[in-house]
Amino acid sequence: MVLGIIGAMQMEIENLKPSINNQKTETISGVEFISGDIDGTKVVAAVSGIGKVFAAICTEIMVLHFEVDHVINIGVAGSLIPNLKVLDVAVAESAVQHDMNTTAIGDPRGLISGINIINFEADRKLRAAVVNVLEAKGIGYETGIIASGDLFVDSDKQRETIRNNFNAIAADMEGASIAHTCYINHVPFTIIRSISDADGSAMDYNTFAGKAAEQSIAIVLDTIKRIK
């Protein structure tokens, strides 16, 4: 099995590098891919860049060029529900693109035209392994829908709209485009989001994003040990 690990920002992957043995690097379409192994499991890790297009490009390369069997997307997100506090973790049951909107022609909000999908379902087996790790570490978590869009959600109105439209628990800027790319390529995916801001607050993000990213990496490393 080859695991693809994607983070949007450098801090989401940087602390993973020391755990990757026998490293090789390759740059494709401006993205640096680091391949090697973690505890005997083959991995390819990359910083995609922020936003849905960068994330989709990175995922497609991982699938077609590196032939990964599973994609894990780690990083940070903003909470959309009271139960998820800063440094808690959201684990995707599915992912939606909250900024996809063709309702003017009669489609439901979030529908991806052509494949007619709103919710992209995450891999259940690996999600269960992640949940076991979170429980063992005593980290608060929720499983549910993660909503993605090219927008930093920073107002009560935005959070309420996304929550009401999709019943989502957290918002990010990459997960659902990674899920979309995996879906059309028949590759399972997992999305793990440490909460960096609980009220859409940029101040919370600037304070906690680094810690949240480190936590995501620690969760992935423990999950790899379990699935091995």
C-alpha atoms as a PDB file:
ATOM      1  CA  MET A   1       0.000   0.000   0.000  1.00  0.00           C
ATOM      2  CA  VAL A   2       1.135   3.523  -0.780  1.00  0.00           C
ATOM      3  CA  LEU A   3      -0.330   6.358   1.281  1.00  0.00           C
ATOM      4  CA  GLY A   4      -0.520   9.861  -0.123  1.00  0.00           C
ATOM      5  CA  ILE A   5      -0.411  12.556   2.574  1.00  0.00           C
ATOM      6  CA  ILE A   6      -1.439  16.074   1.593  1.00  0.00           C
ATOM      7  CA  GLY A   7      -1.296  19.285   3.600  1.00  0.00           C
ATOM      8  CA  ALA A   8      -2.170  22.720   2.250  1.00  0.00           C
ATOM      9  CA  MET A   9       0.609  24.598   4.037  1.00  0.00           C
ATOM     10  CA  GLN A  10       4.246  23.964   4.809  1.00  0.00           C
ATOM     11  CA  MET A  11       3.599  23.760   8.553  1.00  0.00           C
ATOM     12  CA  GLU A  12       1.154  20.914   7.923  1.00  0.00           C
ATOM     13  CA  ILE A  13       3.861  18.691   6.396  1.00  0.00           C
ATOM     14  CA  GLU A  14       7.165  20.033   7.767  1.00  0.00           C
ATOM     15  CA  ASN A  15       7.067  18.069  11.019  1.00  0.00           C
ATOM     16  CA  LEU A  16       6.238  14.896   9.110  1.00  0.00           C
ATOM     17  CA  LYS A  17       9.501  14.932   7.158  1.00  0.00           C
ATOM     18  CA  PRO A  18      11.765  13.594   9.950  1.00  0.00           C
ATOM     19  CA  SER A  19       9.579  10.493  10.169  1.00  0.00           C
ATOM     20  CA  ILE A  20       9.969   9.650   6.464  1.00  0.00           C
ATOM     21  CA  ASN A  21      12.825   7.236   5.782  1.00  0.00           C
ATOM     22  CA  ASN A  22      14.712   6.788   2.493  1.00  0.00           C
ATOM     23  CA  GLN A  23      13.486  10.112   1.189  1.00  0.00           C
ATOM     24  CA  LYS A  24      13.357  11.009  -2.479  1.00  0.00           C
ATOM     25  CA  THR A  25      12.003  14.287  -3.801  1.00  0.00           C
ATOM     26  CA  GLU A  26      10.426  15.122  -7.127  1.00  0.00           C
ATOM     27  CA  THR A  27       8.857  18.378  -8.254  1.00  0.00           C
ATOM     28  CA  ILE A  28       5.877  18.245 -10.617  1.00  0.00           C
ATOM     29  CA  SER A  29       3.742  21.258 -11.588  1.00  0.00           C
ATOM     30  CA  GLY A  30       5.546  23.277  -8.949  1.00  0.00           C
ATOM     31  CA  VAL A  31       4.699  20.846  -6.133  1.00  0.00           C
ATOM     32  CA  GLU A  32       7.474  19.022  -4.259  1.00  0.00           C
ATOM     33  CA  PHE A  33       6.630  15.395  -3.526  1.00  0.00           C
ATOM     34  CA  ILE A  34       8.589  13.511  -0.867  1.00  0.00           C
ATOM     35  CA  SER A  35       8.438   9.742  -1.132  1.00  0.00           C
ATOM     36  CA  GLY A  36       9.801   7.159   1.280  1.00  0.00           C
ATOM     37  CA  ASP A  37       8.423   5.046   4.087  1.00  0.00           C
ATOM     38  CA  ILE A  38       7.112   5.485   7.623  1.00  0.00           C
ATOM     39  CA  ASP A  39       7.397   2.395   9.817  1.00  0.00           C
ATOM     40  CA  GLY A  40       7.612   0.273   6.688  1.00  0.00           C
ATOM     41  CA  THR A  41       4.558   1.810   5.006  1.00  0.00           C
ATOM     42  CA  LYS A  42       5.267   3.523   1.681  1.00  0.00           C
ATOM     43  CA  VAL A  43       4.222   7.169   1.673  1.00  0.00           C
ATOM     44  CA  VAL A  44       4.247  10.205  -0.595  1.00  0.00           C
ATOM     45  CA  ALA A  45       3.829  13.572   1.125  1.00  0.00           C
ATOM     46  CA  ALA A  46       3.296  17.009  -0.367  1.00  0.00           C
ATOM     47  CA  VAL A  47       2.314  20.592   0.399  1.00  0.00           C
ATOM     48  CA  SER A  48      -0.417  21.301  -2.129  1.00  0.00           C
ATOM     49  CA  GLY A  49      -0.872  25.015  -1.602  1.00  0.00           C
ATOM     50  CA  ILE A  50      -3.983  26.774  -0.334  1.00  0.00           C
ATOM     51  CA  GLY A  51      -7.326  26.423  -2.102  1.00  0.00           C
ATOM     52  CA  LYS A  52      -9.311  23.885  -4.064  1.00  0.00           C
ATOM     53  CA  VAL A  53      -7.447  24.086  -7.373  1.00  0.00           C
ATOM     54  CA  PHE A  54      -3.993  23.560  -5.855  1.00  0.00           C
ATOM     55  CA  ALA A  55      -5.352  20.684  -3.774  1.00  0.00           C
ATOM     56  CA  ALA A  56      -6.938  18.987  -6.797  1.00  0.00           C
ATOM     57  CA  ILE A  57      -3.757  19.318  -8.875  1.00  0.00           C
ATOM     58  CA  CYS A  58      -1.668  17.785  -6.098  1.00  0.00           C
ATOM     59  CA  THR A  59      -4.111  14.917  -5.616  1.00  0.00           C
ATOM     60  CA  GLU A  60      -4.287  14.095  -9.324  1.00  0.00           C
ATOM     61  CA  ILE A  61      -0.485  13.891  -9.515  1.00  0.00           C
ATOM     62  CA  MET A  62      -0.374  11.629  -6.471  1.00  0.00           C
ATOM     63  CA  VAL A  63      -2.930   9.302  -8.014  1.00  0.00           C
ATOM     64  CA  LEU A  64      -1.654   9.184 -11.587  1.00  0.00           C
ATOM     65  CA  HIS A  65       2.098   9.588 -11.162  1.00  0.00           C
ATOM     66  CA  PHE A  66       2.798   8.071  -7.745  1.00  0.00           C
ATOM     67  CA  GLU A  67      -0.095   5.591  -7.894  1.00  0.00           C
ATOM     68  CA  VAL A  68      -1.125   6.031  -4.264  1.00  0.00           C
ATOM     69  CA  ASP A  69      -3.735   3.627  -2.909  1.00  0.00           C
ATOM     70  CA  HIS A  70      -5.186   6.015  -0.343  1.00  0.00           C
ATOM     71  CA  VAL A  71      -5.038   9.767   0.219  1.00  0.00           C
ATOM     72  CA  ILE A  72      -4.932  11.278   3.702  1.00  0.00           C
ATOM     73  CA  ASN A  73      -5.539  15.003   3.873  1.00  0.00           C
ATOM     74  CA  ILE A  74      -4.296  16.575   7.104  1.00  0.00           C
ATOM     75  CA  GLY A  75      -4.383  20.124   8.348  1.00  0.00           C
ATOM     76  CA  VAL A  76      -6.482  22.694  10.117  1.00  0.00           C
ATOM     77  CA  ALA A  77     -10.074  23.898   9.872  1.00  0.00           C
ATOM     78  CA  GLY A  78     -12.564  26.216  11.490  1.00  0.00           C
ATOM     79  CA  SER A  79     -15.286  24.754  13.677  1.00  0.00           C
ATOM     80  CA  LEU A  80     -18.922  25.180  12.674  1.00  0.00           C
ATOM     81  CA  ILE A  81     -20.468  23.594  15.786  1.00  0.00           C
ATOM     82  CA  PRO A  82     -20.204  24.301  19.536  1.00  0.00           C
ATOM     83  CA  ASN A  83     -18.946  20.799  20.336  1.00  0.00           C
ATOM     84  CA  LEU A  84     -15.713  21.315  18.373  1.00  0.00           C
ATOM     85  CA  LYS A  85     -13.320  23.526  20.297  1.00  0.00           C
ATOM     86  CA  VAL A  86      -9.845  24.750  19.382  1.00  0.00           C
ATOM     87  CA  LEU A  87      -7.453  21.769  19.114  1.00  0.00           C
ATOM     88  CA  ASP A  88     -10.304  19.277  18.933  1.00  0.00           C
ATOM     89  CA  VAL A  89     -10.396  17.221  15.728  1.00  0.00           C
ATOM     90  CA  ALA A  90     -12.952  16.879  12.934  1.00  0.00           C
ATOM     91  CA  VAL A  91     -12.836  13.587  11.034  1.00  0.00           C
ATOM     92  CA  ALA A  92     -14.737  13.509   7.755  1.00  0.00           C
ATOM     93  CA  GLU A  93     -17.566  11.101   7.165  1.00  0.00           C
ATOM     94  CA  SER A  94     -17.978  12.961   3.898  1.00  0.00           C
ATOM     95  CA  ALA A  95     -16.959  16.217   2.231  1.00  0.00           C
ATOM     96  CA  VAL A  96     -18.909  18.857   0.312  1.00  0.00           C
ATOM     97  CA  GLN A  97     -17.993  21.957  -1.689  1.00  0.00           C
ATOM     98  CA  HIS A  98     -20.013  24.695  -0.021  1.00  0.00           C
ATOM     99  CA  ASP A  99     -19.199  27.287  -2.686  1.00  0.00           C
ATOM    100  CA  MET A 100     -20.500  25.145  -5.570  1.00  0.00           C
ATOM    101  CA  ASN A 101     -23.824  26.718  -6.470  1.00  0.00           C
ATOM    102  CA  THR A 102     -25.910  26.058  -9.586  1.00  0.00           C
ATOM    103  CA  THR A 103     -29.231  26.506  -7.815  1.00  0.00           C
ATOM    104  CA  ALA A 104     -30.228  29.086 -10.454  1.00  0.00           C
ATOM    105  CA  ILE A 105     -30.780  26.244 -12.936  1.00  0.00           C
ATOM    106  CA  GLY A 106     -32.619  24.051 -10.461  1.00  0.00           C
ATOM    107  CA  ASP A 107     -29.783  22.053  -8.903  1.00  0.00           C
ATOM    108  CA  PRO A 108     -29.496  21.500  -5.155  1.00  0.00           C
ATOM    109  CA  ARG A 109     -26.775  23.567  -3.514  1.00  0.00           C
ATOM    110  CA  GLY A 110     -23.374  21.886  -3.605  1.00  0.00           C
ATOM    111  CA  LEU A 111     -24.150  19.559  -6.511  1.00  0.00           C
ATOM    112  CA  ILE A 112     -21.141  18.766  -8.694  1.00  0.00           C
ATOM    113  CA  SER A 113     -22.572  18.771 -12.202  1.00  0.00           C
ATOM    114  CA  GLY A 114     -21.648  15.902 -14.492  1.00  0.00           C
ATOM    115  CA  ILE A 115     -21.219  13.362 -11.712  1.00  0.00           C
ATOM    116  CA  ASN A 116     -24.246  14.630  -9.751  1.00  0.00           C
ATOM    117  CA  ILE A 117     -22.616  14.239  -6.351  1.00  0.00           C
ATOM    118  CA  ILE A 118     -22.929  16.528  -3.332  1.00  0.00           C
ATOM    119  CA  ASN A 119     -21.372  14.454  -0.556  1.00  0.00           C
ATOM    120  CA  PHE A 120     -18.157  12.527  -1.214  1.00  0.00           C
ATOM    121  CA  GLU A 121     -17.975   9.697   1.307  1.00  0.00           C
ATOM    122  CA  ALA A 122     -14.692   9.155   3.142  1.00  0.00           C
ATOM    123  CA  ASP A 123     -13.160   5.731   3.748  1.00  0.00           C
ATOM    124  CA  ARG A 124     -14.833   4.113   6.740  1.00  0.00           C
ATOM    125  CA  LYS A 125     -12.051   1.713   7.701  1.00  0.00           C
ATOM    126  CA  LEU A 126      -9.311   4.311   8.007  1.00  0.00           C
ATOM    127  CA  ARG A 127     -11.706   6.743   9.685  1.00  0.00           C
ATOM    128  CA  ALA A 128     -12.268   4.107  12.369  1.00  0.00           C
ATOM    129  CA  ALA A 129      -8.497   3.788  12.837  1.00  0.00           C
ATOM    130  CA  VAL A 130      -8.195   7.573  13.224  1.00  0.00           C
ATOM    131  CA  VAL A 131     -11.007   7.614  15.793  1.00  0.00           C
ATOM    132  CA  ASN A 132      -9.251   4.865  17.773  1.00  0.00           C
ATOM    133  CA  VAL A 133      -6.087   6.979  17.832  1.00  0.00           C
ATOM    134  CA  LEU A 134      -8.001  10.054  19.001  1.00  0.00           C
ATOM    135  CA  GLU A 135      -9.672   8.115  21.781  1.00  0.00           C
ATOM    136  CA  ALA A 136      -6.351   6.619  22.881  1.00  0.00           C
ATOM    137  CA  LYS A 137      -4.811  10.099  22.977  1.00  0.00           C
ATOM    138  CA  GLY A 138      -7.797  11.585  24.804  1.00  0.00           C
ATOM    139  CA  ILE A 139      -8.371  14.192  22.086  1.00  0.00           C
ATOM    140  CA  GLY A 140     -11.863  15.594  21.660  1.00  0.00           C
ATOM    141  CA  TYR A 141     -13.333  14.878  18.238  1.00  0.00           C
ATOM    142  CA  GLU A 142     -16.448  14.774  16.100  1.00  0.00           C
ATOM    143  CA  THR A 143     -17.112  12.885  12.887  1.00  0.00           C
ATOM    144  CA  GLY A 144     -19.313  14.405  10.227  1.00  0.00           C
ATOM    145  CA  ILE A 145     -19.393  16.509   7.086  1.00  0.00           C
ATOM    146  CA  ILE A 146     -16.477  18.803   6.295  1.00  0.00           C
ATOM    147  CA  ALA A 147     -17.318  21.669   3.953  1.00  0.00           C
ATOM    148  CA  SER A 148     -14.718  23.216   1.658  1.00  0.00           C
ATOM    149  CA  GLY A 149     -14.598  26.397  -0.368  1.00  0.00           C
ATOM    150  CA  ASP A 150     -12.213  29.080  -1.555  1.00  0.00           C
ATOM    151  CA  LEU A 151     -13.055  31.232   1.442  1.00  0.00           C
ATOM    152  CA  PHE A 152     -11.704  31.732   4.958  1.00  0.00           C
ATOM    153  CA  VAL A 153     -14.916  31.481   6.986  1.00  0.00           C
ATOM    154  CA  ASP A 154     -14.725  34.314   9.504  1.00  0.00           C
ATOM    155  CA  SER A 155     -18.259  35.463  10.301  1.00  0.00           C
ATOM    156  CA  ASP A 156     -21.239  34.061  12.161  1.00  0.00           C
ATOM    157  CA  LYS A 157     -23.380  34.481   9.051  1.00  0.00           C
ATOM    158  CA  GLN A 158     -21.005  32.427   6.889  1.00  0.00           C
ATOM    159  CA  ARG A 159     -20.773  29.678   9.503  1.00  0.00           C
ATOM    160  CA  GLU A 160     -24.522  29.555   9.944  1.00  0.00           C
ATOM    161  CA  THR A 161     -25.149  29.399   6.190  1.00  0.00           C
ATOM    162  CA  ILE A 162     -22.719  26.522   5.647  1.00  0.00           C
ATOM    163  CA  ARG A 163     -23.951  24.637   8.694  1.00  0.00           C
ATOM    164  CA  ASN A 164     -27.596  25.036   7.724  1.00  0.00           C
ATOM    165  CA  ASN A 165     -27.081  24.148   4.047  1.00  0.00           C
ATOM    166  CA  PHE A 166     -24.908  21.077   4.576  1.00  0.00           C
ATOM    167  CA  ASN A 167     -25.107  20.092   8.261  1.00  0.00           C
ATOM    168  CA  ALA A 168     -21.324  20.469   8.296  1.00  0.00           C
ATOM    169  CA  ILE A 169     -19.165  20.370  11.414  1.00  0.00           C
ATOM    170  CA  ALA A 170     -16.062  22.161  10.100  1.00  0.00           C
ATOM    171  CA  ALA A 171     -14.936  24.339   7.194  1.00  0.00           C
ATOM    172  CA  ASP A 172     -11.672  24.260   5.270  1.00  0.00           C
ATOM    173  CA  MET A 173     -10.374  25.223   1.829  1.00  0.00           C
ATOM    174  CA  GLU A 174      -9.124  21.949   0.326  1.00  0.00           C
ATOM    175  CA  GLY A 175     -10.697  18.749   1.643  1.00  0.00           C
ATOM    176  CA  ALA A 176     -13.690  18.409  -0.670  1.00  0.00           C
ATOM    177  CA  SER A 177     -11.654  19.053  -3.822  1.00  0.00           C
ATOM    178  CA  ILE A 178      -9.278  16.285  -2.734  1.00  0.00           C
ATOM    179  CA  ALA A 179     -12.319  14.097  -2.117  1.00  0.00           C
ATOM    180  CA  HIS A 180     -13.722  15.000  -5.565  1.00  0.00           C
ATOM    181  CA  THR A 181     -10.432  14.081  -7.264  1.00  0.00           C
ATOM    182  CA  CYS A 182     -10.190  10.815  -5.349  1.00  0.00           C
ATOM    183  CA  TYR A 183     -13.784   9.943  -6.219  1.00  0.00           C
ATOM    184  CA  ILE A 184     -13.338  10.253  -9.973  1.00  0.00           C
ATOM    185  CA  ASN A 185     -10.151   8.181  -9.731  1.00  0.00           C
ATOM    186  CA  HIS A 186     -11.678   5.492  -7.478  1.00  0.00           C
ATOM    187  CA  VAL A 187      -9.153   6.111  -4.686  1.00  0.00           C
ATOM    188  CA  PRO A 188     -10.314   6.117  -1.041  1.00  0.00           C
ATOM    189  CA  PHE A 189      -9.571   9.185   1.062  1.00  0.00           C
ATOM    190  CA  THR A 190      -9.501  10.346   4.665  1.00  0.00           C
ATOM    191  CA  ILE A 191      -9.707  13.944   5.924  1.00  0.00           C
ATOM    192  CA  ILE A 192      -8.391  14.859   9.382  1.00  0.00           C
ATOM    193  CA  ARG A 193      -8.789  18.442  10.581  1.00  0.00           C
ATOM    194  CA  SER A 194      -7.458  19.848  13.838  1.00  0.00           C
ATOM    195  CA  ILE A 195      -9.519  22.873  14.820  1.00  0.00           C
ATOM    196  CA  SER A 196      -7.509  26.092  14.643  1.00  0.00           C
ATOM    197  CA  ASP A 197     -10.377  28.539  15.152  1.00  0.00           C
ATOM    198  CA  ALA A 198     -13.686  27.897  16.849  1.00  0.00           C
ATOM    199  CA  ASP A 199     -15.429  31.170  16.015  1.00  0.00           C
ATOM    200  CA  GLY A 200     -14.013  31.882  12.587  1.00  0.00           C
ATOM    201  CA  SER A 201     -11.498  34.073  14.341  1.00  0.00           C
ATOM    202  CA  ALA A 202      -8.320  35.066  12.514  1.00  0.00           C
ATOM    203  CA  MET A 203      -6.789  35.706  15.941  1.00  0.00           C
ATOM    204  CA  ASP A 204      -7.494  32.120  16.986  1.00  0.00           C
ATOM    205  CA  TYR A 205      -6.058  30.896  13.685  1.00  0.00           C
ATOM    206  CA  ASN A 206      -2.824  32.839  14.058  1.00  0.00           C
ATOM    207  CA  THR A 207      -2.451  31.599  17.636  1.00  0.00           C
ATOM    208  CA  PHE A 208      -3.341  27.935  17.245  1.00  0.00           C
ATOM    209  CA  ALA A 209      -2.757  26.936  13.608  1.00  0.00           C
ATOM    210  CA  GLY A 210       0.793  25.744  14.252  1.00  0.00           C
ATOM    211  CA  LYS A 211      -0.220  23.605  17.230  1.00  0.00           C
ATOM    212  CA  ALA A 212      -3.211  22.235  15.334  1.00  0.00           C
ATOM    213  CA  ALA A 213      -1.004  21.268  12.392  1.00  0.00           C
ATOM    214  CA  GLU A 214       1.469  19.476  14.663  1.00  0.00           C
ATOM    215  CA  GLN A 215      -1.412  17.576  16.239  1.00  0.00           C
ATOM    216  CA  SER A 216      -2.654  16.431  12.823  1.00  0.00           C
ATOM    217  CA  ILE A 217       0.770  15.015  12.034  1.00  0.00           C
ATOM    218  CA  ALA A 218       0.974  13.149  15.347  1.00  0.00           C
ATOM    219  CA  ILE A 219      -2.448  11.620  14.662  1.00  0.00           C
ATOM    220  CA  VAL A 220      -1.382  10.478  11.193  1.00  0.00           C
ATOM    221  CA  LEU A 221       1.809   8.888  12.495  1.00  0.00           C
ATOM    222  CA  ASP A 222      -0.097   6.911  15.125  1.00  0.00           C
ATOM    223  CA  THR A 223      -2.727   5.915  12.555  1.00  0.00           C
ATOM    224  CA  ILE A 224      -0.041   4.577  10.206  1.00  0.00           C
ATOM    225  CA  LYS A 225       1.296   2.436  13.050  1.00  0.00           C
ATOM    226  CA  ARG A 226      -2.161   1.007  13.644  1.00  0.00           C
ATOM    227  CA  ILE A 227      -2.968   0.189  10.025  1.00  0.00           C
ATOM    228  CA  LYS A 228       0.437  -1.388   9.546  1.00  0.00           C
END
